[in-house]
């Protein structure tokens, strides 16, 4: 059900259920990376699903349903973040895909995830949001600028600062591990 749907008309309830079962973890993970708050991430996914269902007649069947909902979820997370401005953030969870990793890979992934979460906490909100949307969600600069109500120059600067800070922080964490 992740493929492009070739039927005419809005997605059916069965199509929604299938894509939710297959992709809801990815939507939650993306929202968690943006909000750094489990409750806000859950709310964003729930808001996105309600919005997608209510606007299902607007779905363009040349696109993938899961991608369409993913975009709505990311937008919902950004909207909730704007409203809530949470003060306490939780560590990021890691995405799980592919074949079973070895115990060594699991430990390394968990350590990298903790290190990245700590490094992301050092960024300003605009740097973190721009970095996540660009490098983790693969948005275009113009899309990010439109979403945050800014221009591409500001987005580029925020991403540049974020990458520079993350390089320094991650290098420091790597030296600490040695």
N, C-alpha and C. Protein backbone atom coordinates (compact mmCIF):
# COMPACT_ATOMS: atom_id res chain seq x y z
N UNK A 1 0.81 -1.19 0.00
CA UNK A 1 0.00 0.00 0.00
C UNK A 1 0.86 1.26 0.00
N UNK A 2 2.17 1.10 0.04
CA UNK A 2 3.06 2.25 0.04
C UNK A 2 3.23 2.79 -1.38
N UNK A 3 2.95 2.00 -2.36
CA UNK A 3 3.12 2.42 -3.75
C UNK A 3 2.07 3.47 -4.11
N UNK A 4 2.25 4.06 -5.28
CA UNK A 4 1.28 5.02 -5.78
C UNK A 4 -0.04 4.31 -6.00
N UNK A 5 -1.13 4.92 -5.56
CA UNK A 5 -2.45 4.34 -5.70
C UNK A 5 -3.01 4.73 -7.06
N UNK A 6 -3.53 3.76 -7.81
CA UNK A 6 -3.97 4.03 -9.18
C UNK A 6 -5.49 4.13 -9.30
N UNK A 7 -6.21 4.00 -8.26
CA UNK A 7 -7.65 4.08 -8.26
C UNK A 7 -8.07 5.55 -8.31
N UNK A 8 -9.23 5.84 -8.84
CA UNK A 8 -9.76 7.21 -8.88
C UNK A 8 -10.41 7.55 -7.55
N UNK A 9 -10.51 8.84 -7.25
CA UNK A 9 -11.19 9.29 -6.05
C UNK A 9 -10.28 9.32 -4.84
N UNK A 10 -10.84 9.73 -3.71
CA UNK A 10 -10.04 9.84 -2.49
C UNK A 10 -9.62 8.47 -1.96
N UNK A 11 -8.57 8.43 -1.14
CA UNK A 11 -8.14 7.16 -0.55
C UNK A 11 -9.25 6.57 0.32
N UNK A 12 -9.33 5.27 0.32
CA UNK A 12 -10.35 4.59 1.12
C UNK A 12 -9.86 4.42 2.56
N UNK A 13 -10.77 4.03 3.42
CA UNK A 13 -10.41 3.78 4.81
C UNK A 13 -9.40 2.64 4.90
N UNK A 14 -9.56 1.63 4.07
CA UNK A 14 -8.62 0.50 4.07
C UNK A 14 -7.23 0.95 3.63
N UNK A 15 -7.14 1.83 2.64
CA UNK A 15 -5.85 2.34 2.21
C UNK A 15 -5.19 3.15 3.32
N UNK A 16 -5.97 3.96 4.02
CA UNK A 16 -5.43 4.72 5.14
C UNK A 16 -4.91 3.79 6.23
N UNK A 17 -5.70 2.79 6.58
CA UNK A 17 -5.26 1.86 7.63
C UNK A 17 -3.98 1.15 7.24
N UNK A 18 -3.88 0.74 6.00
CA UNK A 18 -2.68 0.03 5.54
C UNK A 18 -1.44 0.93 5.62
N UNK A 19 -1.56 2.16 5.17
CA UNK A 19 -0.40 3.06 5.19
C UNK A 19 -0.06 3.46 6.63
N UNK A 20 -1.06 3.60 7.48
CA UNK A 20 -0.80 3.91 8.89
C UNK A 20 -0.02 2.78 9.53
N UNK A 21 -0.44 1.56 9.28
CA UNK A 21 0.25 0.40 9.85
C UNK A 21 1.69 0.31 9.35
N UNK A 22 1.90 0.64 8.09
CA UNK A 22 3.23 0.52 7.50
C UNK A 22 4.17 1.67 7.85
N UNK A 23 3.64 2.88 8.04
CA UNK A 23 4.50 4.06 8.11
C UNK A 23 4.37 4.94 9.35
N UNK A 24 3.47 4.65 10.25
CA UNK A 24 3.25 5.56 11.38
C UNK A 24 4.50 5.73 12.24
N UNK A 25 5.31 4.70 12.38
CA UNK A 25 6.55 4.83 13.15
C UNK A 25 7.49 5.86 12.53
N UNK A 26 7.55 5.90 11.21
CA UNK A 26 8.42 6.86 10.53
C UNK A 26 7.92 8.29 10.72
N UNK A 27 6.61 8.46 10.68
CA UNK A 27 6.04 9.79 10.89
C UNK A 27 6.32 10.26 12.31
N UNK A 28 6.13 9.36 13.27
CA UNK A 28 6.39 9.70 14.66
C UNK A 28 7.87 10.06 14.85
N UNK A 29 8.75 9.28 14.26
CA UNK A 29 10.18 9.54 14.38
C UNK A 29 10.54 10.91 13.82
N UNK A 30 10.00 11.25 12.67
CA UNK A 30 10.27 12.56 12.07
C UNK A 30 9.74 13.68 12.97
N UNK A 31 8.55 13.51 13.50
CA UNK A 31 7.97 14.53 14.38
C UNK A 31 8.77 14.65 15.69
N UNK A 32 9.26 13.53 16.19
CA UNK A 32 10.05 13.55 17.41
C UNK A 32 11.37 14.28 17.18
N UNK A 33 11.98 14.09 16.03
CA UNK A 33 13.22 14.79 15.72
C UNK A 33 13.01 16.29 15.64
N UNK A 34 11.85 16.71 15.23
CA UNK A 34 11.55 18.14 15.12
C UNK A 34 11.18 18.72 16.47
N UNK A 35 10.29 18.07 17.19
CA UNK A 35 9.78 18.64 18.44
C UNK A 35 10.64 18.31 19.65
N UNK A 36 11.36 17.17 19.60
CA UNK A 36 12.14 16.67 20.73
C UNK A 36 11.26 16.48 21.96
N UNK A 37 10.00 16.15 21.75
CA UNK A 37 9.05 15.95 22.83
C UNK A 37 8.08 14.85 22.39
N UNK A 38 8.04 13.76 23.16
CA UNK A 38 7.20 12.61 22.79
C UNK A 38 5.73 12.98 22.65
N UNK A 39 5.23 13.75 23.61
CA UNK A 39 3.81 14.11 23.57
C UNK A 39 3.48 14.97 22.35
N UNK A 40 4.34 15.95 22.06
CA UNK A 40 4.11 16.79 20.88
C UNK A 40 4.21 15.98 19.60
N UNK A 41 5.15 15.04 19.55
CA UNK A 41 5.29 14.20 18.36
C UNK A 41 4.04 13.34 18.15
N UNK A 42 3.53 12.76 19.24
CA UNK A 42 2.31 11.96 19.13
C UNK A 42 1.13 12.83 18.69
N UNK A 43 1.03 14.02 19.28
CA UNK A 43 -0.04 14.94 18.90
C UNK A 43 0.07 15.33 17.43
N UNK A 44 1.29 15.57 16.97
CA UNK A 44 1.49 15.96 15.57
C UNK A 44 1.03 14.86 14.62
N UNK A 45 1.38 13.62 14.93
CA UNK A 45 0.97 12.51 14.07
C UNK A 45 -0.56 12.37 14.09
N UNK A 46 -1.14 12.46 15.28
CA UNK A 46 -2.59 12.35 15.39
C UNK A 46 -3.27 13.49 14.62
N UNK A 47 -2.77 14.72 14.79
CA UNK A 47 -3.33 15.86 14.05
C UNK A 47 -3.19 15.65 12.54
N UNK A 48 -2.04 15.12 12.14
CA UNK A 48 -1.81 14.89 10.71
C UNK A 48 -2.78 13.86 10.15
N UNK A 49 -2.99 12.80 10.89
CA UNK A 49 -3.91 11.75 10.41
C UNK A 49 -5.33 12.27 10.31
N UNK A 50 -5.75 13.05 11.30
CA UNK A 50 -7.10 13.64 11.24
C UNK A 50 -7.22 14.60 10.06
N UNK A 51 -6.19 15.42 9.90
CA UNK A 51 -6.20 16.37 8.79
C UNK A 51 -6.20 15.66 7.44
N UNK A 52 -5.36 14.64 7.32
CA UNK A 52 -5.28 13.90 6.06
C UNK A 52 -6.62 13.23 5.75
N UNK A 53 -7.23 12.65 6.77
CA UNK A 53 -8.52 11.98 6.54
C UNK A 53 -9.58 13.01 6.13
N UNK A 54 -9.61 14.14 6.84
CA UNK A 54 -10.61 15.16 6.53
C UNK A 54 -10.38 15.81 5.17
N UNK A 55 -9.14 15.81 4.69
CA UNK A 55 -8.81 16.43 3.41
C UNK A 55 -8.47 15.39 2.34
N UNK A 56 -8.90 14.15 2.56
CA UNK A 56 -8.53 13.07 1.64
C UNK A 56 -8.99 13.33 0.20
N UNK A 57 -10.04 14.11 0.02
CA UNK A 57 -10.49 14.44 -1.33
C UNK A 57 -9.49 15.32 -2.08
N UNK A 58 -8.54 15.94 -1.33
CA UNK A 58 -7.51 16.78 -1.96
C UNK A 58 -6.28 15.98 -2.37
N UNK A 59 -6.22 14.71 -1.98
CA UNK A 59 -5.05 13.88 -2.27
C UNK A 59 -4.93 13.67 -3.78
N UNK A 60 -3.73 13.93 -4.29
CA UNK A 60 -3.42 13.74 -5.71
C UNK A 60 -2.85 12.34 -5.87
N UNK A 61 -3.55 11.48 -6.55
CA UNK A 61 -3.15 10.08 -6.65
C UNK A 61 -1.90 9.85 -7.49
N UNK A 62 -1.30 10.91 -8.00
CA UNK A 62 -0.01 10.73 -8.67
C UNK A 62 1.11 10.67 -7.64
N UNK A 63 0.79 11.01 -6.39
CA UNK A 63 1.77 10.96 -5.29
C UNK A 63 1.53 9.70 -4.47
N UNK A 64 2.45 9.47 -3.55
CA UNK A 64 2.28 8.35 -2.62
C UNK A 64 1.53 8.82 -1.39
N UNK A 65 0.59 8.04 -0.92
CA UNK A 65 -0.22 8.39 0.23
C UNK A 65 0.65 8.56 1.47
N UNK A 66 1.62 7.67 1.66
CA UNK A 66 2.47 7.77 2.86
C UNK A 66 3.32 9.04 2.84
N UNK A 67 3.78 9.46 1.67
CA UNK A 67 4.57 10.69 1.55
C UNK A 67 3.71 11.91 1.82
N UNK A 68 2.50 11.88 1.33
CA UNK A 68 1.56 12.98 1.55
C UNK A 68 1.28 13.15 3.04
N UNK A 69 1.01 12.05 3.73
CA UNK A 69 0.73 12.11 5.17
C UNK A 69 2.00 12.51 5.93
N UNK A 70 3.16 12.02 5.48
CA UNK A 70 4.43 12.38 6.13
C UNK A 70 4.61 13.89 6.12
N UNK A 71 4.37 14.50 4.99
CA UNK A 71 4.51 15.95 4.86
C UNK A 71 3.54 16.68 5.78
N UNK A 72 2.31 16.18 5.87
CA UNK A 72 1.32 16.77 6.77
C UNK A 72 1.77 16.64 8.22
N UNK A 73 2.36 15.49 8.57
CA UNK A 73 2.83 15.26 9.94
C UNK A 73 3.97 16.21 10.29
N UNK A 74 4.91 16.39 9.39
CA UNK A 74 6.02 17.32 9.64
C UNK A 74 5.49 18.74 9.82
N UNK A 75 4.55 19.13 8.98
CA UNK A 75 3.96 20.46 9.12
C UNK A 75 3.22 20.60 10.45
N UNK A 76 2.53 19.54 10.87
CA UNK A 76 1.82 19.56 12.15
C UNK A 76 2.82 19.69 13.30
N UNK A 77 3.94 19.00 13.22
CA UNK A 77 4.97 19.10 14.26
C UNK A 77 5.52 20.51 14.34
N UNK A 78 5.78 21.11 13.20
CA UNK A 78 6.28 22.48 13.19
C UNK A 78 5.24 23.45 13.78
N UNK A 79 3.98 23.22 13.46
CA UNK A 79 2.92 24.08 13.98
C UNK A 79 2.82 23.94 15.50
N UNK A 80 2.86 22.71 16.01
CA UNK A 80 2.79 22.50 17.45
C UNK A 80 4.01 23.09 18.15
N UNK A 81 5.16 22.99 17.52
CA UNK A 81 6.38 23.54 18.09
C UNK A 81 6.27 25.05 18.21
N UNK A 82 5.71 25.68 17.20
CA UNK A 82 5.52 27.13 17.24
C UNK A 82 4.61 27.52 18.40
N UNK A 83 3.57 26.71 18.63
CA UNK A 83 2.60 27.04 19.69
C UNK A 83 3.15 26.74 21.07
N UNK A 84 3.80 25.59 21.23
CA UNK A 84 4.16 25.11 22.57
C UNK A 84 5.47 25.65 23.09
N UNK A 85 6.48 25.79 22.22
CA UNK A 85 7.82 26.19 22.66
C UNK A 85 8.23 25.43 23.92
N UNK A 86 8.31 24.09 23.83
CA UNK A 86 8.60 23.30 25.03
C UNK A 86 9.97 23.63 25.61
N UNK A 87 10.07 23.57 26.94
CA UNK A 87 11.32 23.88 27.62
C UNK A 87 12.16 22.66 27.90
N UNK A 88 11.54 21.51 28.02
CA UNK A 88 12.27 20.29 28.33
C UNK A 88 12.12 19.34 27.15
N UNK A 89 13.24 18.87 26.63
CA UNK A 89 13.22 17.98 25.49
C UNK A 89 13.72 16.61 25.90
N UNK A 90 13.24 15.61 25.19
CA UNK A 90 13.67 14.25 25.45
C UNK A 90 14.63 13.81 24.35
N UNK A 91 15.42 12.79 24.64
CA UNK A 91 16.37 12.27 23.66
C UNK A 91 15.62 11.69 22.47
N UNK A 92 16.28 11.69 21.33
CA UNK A 92 15.70 11.14 20.12
C UNK A 92 15.75 9.62 20.16
N UNK A 93 14.75 9.02 19.54
CA UNK A 93 14.79 7.57 19.35
C UNK A 93 15.38 7.33 17.97
N UNK A 94 15.95 6.16 17.78
CA UNK A 94 16.54 5.88 16.49
C UNK A 94 15.53 5.16 15.59
N UNK A 95 15.65 5.36 14.30
CA UNK A 95 14.81 4.67 13.35
C UNK A 95 15.28 3.23 13.23
N UNK A 96 14.36 2.31 13.00
CA UNK A 96 14.72 0.91 12.84
C UNK A 96 14.26 0.46 11.46
N UNK A 97 15.20 0.03 10.63
CA UNK A 97 14.90 -0.46 9.29
C UNK A 97 15.90 -1.53 8.91
N UNK A 98 15.52 -2.36 7.95
CA UNK A 98 16.45 -3.31 7.38
C UNK A 98 16.67 -4.55 8.21
N UNK A 99 17.74 -5.29 7.88
CA UNK A 99 18.01 -6.55 8.57
C UNK A 99 18.41 -6.32 10.03
N UNK A 100 18.29 -7.37 10.81
CA UNK A 100 18.63 -7.30 12.23
C UNK A 100 20.09 -6.90 12.42
N UNK A 101 20.36 -5.84 13.16
CA UNK A 101 21.75 -5.44 13.41
C UNK A 101 22.39 -6.34 14.47
N UNK A 102 23.70 -6.37 14.45
CA UNK A 102 24.44 -7.13 15.45
C UNK A 102 24.40 -6.36 16.77
N UNK A 103 24.69 -7.02 17.89
CA UNK A 103 24.72 -6.29 19.17
C UNK A 103 25.71 -5.12 19.16
N UNK A 104 26.84 -5.29 18.47
CA UNK A 104 27.82 -4.21 18.38
C UNK A 104 27.24 -3.03 17.60
N UNK A 105 26.53 -3.34 16.52
CA UNK A 105 25.91 -2.27 15.73
C UNK A 105 24.83 -1.55 16.54
N UNK A 106 24.07 -2.31 17.32
CA UNK A 106 23.04 -1.71 18.16
C UNK A 106 23.65 -0.74 19.17
N UNK A 107 24.72 -1.18 19.81
CA UNK A 107 25.39 -0.31 20.79
C UNK A 107 25.94 0.94 20.12
N UNK A 108 26.57 0.76 18.97
CA UNK A 108 27.14 1.91 18.25
C UNK A 108 26.03 2.86 17.80
N UNK A 109 24.92 2.31 17.29
CA UNK A 109 23.79 3.14 16.86
C UNK A 109 23.18 3.90 18.03
N UNK A 110 23.03 3.22 19.16
CA UNK A 110 22.46 3.88 20.33
C UNK A 110 23.37 5.00 20.83
N UNK A 111 24.66 4.74 20.82
CA UNK A 111 25.62 5.75 21.26
C UNK A 111 25.61 6.94 20.30
N UNK A 112 25.60 6.66 19.00
CA UNK A 112 25.54 7.73 18.02
C UNK A 112 24.24 8.53 18.17
N UNK A 113 23.13 7.84 18.39
CA UNK A 113 21.86 8.52 18.59
C UNK A 113 21.87 9.43 19.81
N UNK A 114 22.45 8.94 20.90
CA UNK A 114 22.56 9.77 22.11
C UNK A 114 23.46 10.97 21.86
N UNK A 115 24.59 10.73 21.17
CA UNK A 115 25.52 11.82 20.86
C UNK A 115 24.86 12.86 19.97
N UNK A 116 24.14 12.40 18.95
CA UNK A 116 23.47 13.34 18.05
C UNK A 116 22.38 14.10 18.79
N UNK A 117 21.62 13.42 19.64
CA UNK A 117 20.58 14.10 20.41
C UNK A 117 21.19 15.19 21.29
N UNK A 118 22.31 14.87 21.94
CA UNK A 118 23.00 15.87 22.77
C UNK A 118 23.49 17.04 21.92
N UNK A 119 24.04 16.71 20.77
CA UNK A 119 24.55 17.76 19.88
C UNK A 119 23.41 18.64 19.35
N UNK A 120 22.28 18.03 19.00
CA UNK A 120 21.14 18.80 18.50
C UNK A 120 20.58 19.73 19.57
N UNK A 121 20.70 19.34 20.85
CA UNK A 121 20.23 20.21 21.94
C UNK A 121 21.04 21.49 22.03
N UNK A 122 22.24 21.50 21.46
CA UNK A 122 23.09 22.68 21.50
C UNK A 122 22.70 23.71 20.43
N UNK A 123 21.84 23.32 19.52
CA UNK A 123 21.44 24.21 18.42
C UNK A 123 20.28 25.09 18.86
N UNK A 124 20.17 26.24 18.23
CA UNK A 124 18.98 27.07 18.45
C UNK A 124 17.81 26.37 17.77
N UNK A 125 16.60 26.81 18.08
CA UNK A 125 15.42 26.17 17.51
C UNK A 125 15.43 26.26 15.98
N UNK A 126 15.74 27.42 15.43
CA UNK A 126 15.73 27.57 13.97
C UNK A 126 16.81 26.72 13.33
N UNK A 127 17.98 26.63 13.96
CA UNK A 127 19.05 25.79 13.42
C UNK A 127 18.63 24.32 13.42
N UNK A 128 18.04 23.88 14.53
CA UNK A 128 17.63 22.47 14.63
C UNK A 128 16.53 22.15 13.62
N UNK A 129 15.52 22.99 13.53
CA UNK A 129 14.41 22.74 12.61
C UNK A 129 14.91 22.73 11.17
N UNK A 130 15.71 23.71 10.79
CA UNK A 130 16.24 23.77 9.42
C UNK A 130 17.13 22.57 9.13
N UNK A 131 17.99 22.19 10.07
CA UNK A 131 18.87 21.04 9.87
C UNK A 131 18.06 19.76 9.69
N UNK A 132 17.09 19.54 10.56
CA UNK A 132 16.27 18.32 10.49
C UNK A 132 15.51 18.27 9.17
N UNK A 133 14.88 19.38 8.79
CA UNK A 133 14.11 19.37 7.54
C UNK A 133 14.99 19.17 6.33
N UNK A 134 16.17 19.78 6.32
CA UNK A 134 17.07 19.66 5.16
C UNK A 134 17.75 18.30 5.11
N UNK A 135 18.40 17.92 6.19
CA UNK A 135 19.26 16.74 6.14
C UNK A 135 18.58 15.43 6.53
N UNK A 136 17.55 15.49 7.33
CA UNK A 136 16.88 14.26 7.72
C UNK A 136 15.59 14.04 6.94
N UNK A 137 14.89 15.11 6.61
CA UNK A 137 13.64 15.00 5.88
C UNK A 137 13.77 15.29 4.39
N UNK A 138 14.94 15.78 3.97
CA UNK A 138 15.24 16.02 2.56
C UNK A 138 14.35 17.08 1.90
N UNK A 139 14.00 18.12 2.65
CA UNK A 139 13.22 19.22 2.08
C UNK A 139 14.14 20.14 1.31
N UNK A 140 13.58 20.86 0.34
CA UNK A 140 14.33 21.88 -0.39
C UNK A 140 14.40 23.14 0.46
N UNK A 141 15.42 23.97 0.21
CA UNK A 141 15.59 25.21 0.97
C UNK A 141 14.35 26.10 0.86
N UNK A 142 13.80 26.20 -0.33
CA UNK A 142 12.63 27.06 -0.52
C UNK A 142 11.42 26.54 0.26
N UNK A 143 11.29 25.22 0.37
CA UNK A 143 10.19 24.64 1.14
C UNK A 143 10.35 24.96 2.63
N UNK A 144 11.58 24.86 3.11
CA UNK A 144 11.85 25.17 4.51
C UNK A 144 11.55 26.64 4.78
N UNK A 145 12.03 27.50 3.89
CA UNK A 145 11.81 28.94 4.05
C UNK A 145 10.31 29.26 4.09
N UNK A 146 9.56 28.67 3.18
CA UNK A 146 8.12 28.89 3.17
C UNK A 146 7.48 28.41 4.47
N UNK A 147 7.90 27.25 4.93
CA UNK A 147 7.30 26.66 6.13
C UNK A 147 7.57 27.48 7.38
N UNK A 148 8.78 28.02 7.52
CA UNK A 148 9.10 28.77 8.73
C UNK A 148 8.85 30.26 8.57
N UNK A 149 8.36 30.66 7.39
CA UNK A 149 8.04 32.07 7.17
C UNK A 149 9.27 32.95 7.08
N UNK A 150 10.27 32.47 6.35
CA UNK A 150 11.52 33.20 6.22
C UNK A 150 11.96 33.18 4.77
N UNK A 151 13.23 33.49 4.54
CA UNK A 151 13.76 33.43 3.18
C UNK A 151 14.86 32.36 3.12
N UNK A 152 15.27 32.02 1.91
CA UNK A 152 16.26 30.95 1.75
C UNK A 152 17.61 31.34 2.31
N UNK A 153 17.95 32.61 2.30
CA UNK A 153 19.22 33.06 2.87
C UNK A 153 19.28 32.76 4.37
N UNK A 154 18.20 33.03 5.07
CA UNK A 154 18.14 32.75 6.50
C UNK A 154 18.24 31.25 6.75
N UNK A 155 17.57 30.47 5.92
CA UNK A 155 17.60 29.01 6.06
C UNK A 155 19.02 28.51 5.82
N UNK A 156 19.67 29.00 4.78
CA UNK A 156 21.05 28.58 4.50
C UNK A 156 21.97 28.91 5.67
N UNK A 157 21.82 30.10 6.22
CA UNK A 157 22.66 30.49 7.37
C UNK A 157 22.41 29.59 8.57
N UNK A 158 21.15 29.28 8.83
CA UNK A 158 20.81 28.42 9.97
C UNK A 158 21.39 27.02 9.77
N UNK A 159 21.30 26.50 8.56
CA UNK A 159 21.85 25.16 8.28
C UNK A 159 23.37 25.20 8.39
N UNK A 160 23.99 26.23 7.86
CA UNK A 160 25.44 26.35 7.94
C UNK A 160 25.90 26.38 9.39
N UNK A 161 25.24 27.22 10.21
CA UNK A 161 25.60 27.29 11.63
C UNK A 161 25.37 25.96 12.33
N UNK A 162 24.26 25.30 12.00
CA UNK A 162 23.95 24.00 12.62
C UNK A 162 25.01 22.97 12.28
N UNK A 163 25.37 22.88 11.01
CA UNK A 163 26.38 21.90 10.58
C UNK A 163 27.72 22.19 11.26
N UNK A 164 28.08 23.46 11.30
CA UNK A 164 29.35 23.83 11.94
C UNK A 164 29.34 23.44 13.42
N UNK A 165 28.28 23.76 14.13
CA UNK A 165 28.17 23.41 15.54
C UNK A 165 28.16 21.89 15.75
N UNK A 166 27.43 21.18 14.88
CA UNK A 166 27.36 19.72 15.02
C UNK A 166 28.72 19.07 14.74
N UNK A 167 29.45 19.57 13.78
CA UNK A 167 30.80 19.03 13.50
C UNK A 167 31.71 19.19 14.71
N UNK A 168 31.68 20.37 15.30
CA UNK A 168 32.52 20.63 16.48
C UNK A 168 32.08 19.73 17.63
N UNK A 169 30.79 19.69 17.88
CA UNK A 169 30.27 18.90 19.01
C UNK A 169 30.51 17.41 18.81
N UNK A 170 30.26 16.91 17.62
CA UNK A 170 30.44 15.47 17.37
C UNK A 170 31.92 15.10 17.42
N UNK A 171 32.79 15.98 16.94
CA UNK A 171 34.24 15.72 17.02
C UNK A 171 34.68 15.68 18.47
N UNK A 172 34.15 16.59 19.28
CA UNK A 172 34.48 16.60 20.71
C UNK A 172 33.99 15.32 21.37
N UNK A 173 32.81 14.85 21.02
CA UNK A 173 32.28 13.61 21.59
C UNK A 173 33.12 12.42 21.17
N UNK A 174 33.59 12.44 19.92
CA UNK A 174 34.44 11.35 19.43
C UNK A 174 35.77 11.32 20.19
N UNK A 175 36.35 12.49 20.43
CA UNK A 175 37.60 12.56 21.20
C UNK A 175 37.39 12.06 22.62
N UNK A 176 36.24 12.39 23.22
CA UNK A 176 35.94 11.92 24.57
C UNK A 176 35.86 10.40 24.62
N UNK A 177 35.35 9.79 23.55
CA UNK A 177 35.18 8.33 23.51
C UNK A 177 36.52 7.63 23.41
N UNK A 178 37.54 8.30 22.87
CA UNK A 178 38.86 7.69 22.73
C UNK A 178 39.54 7.70 24.04
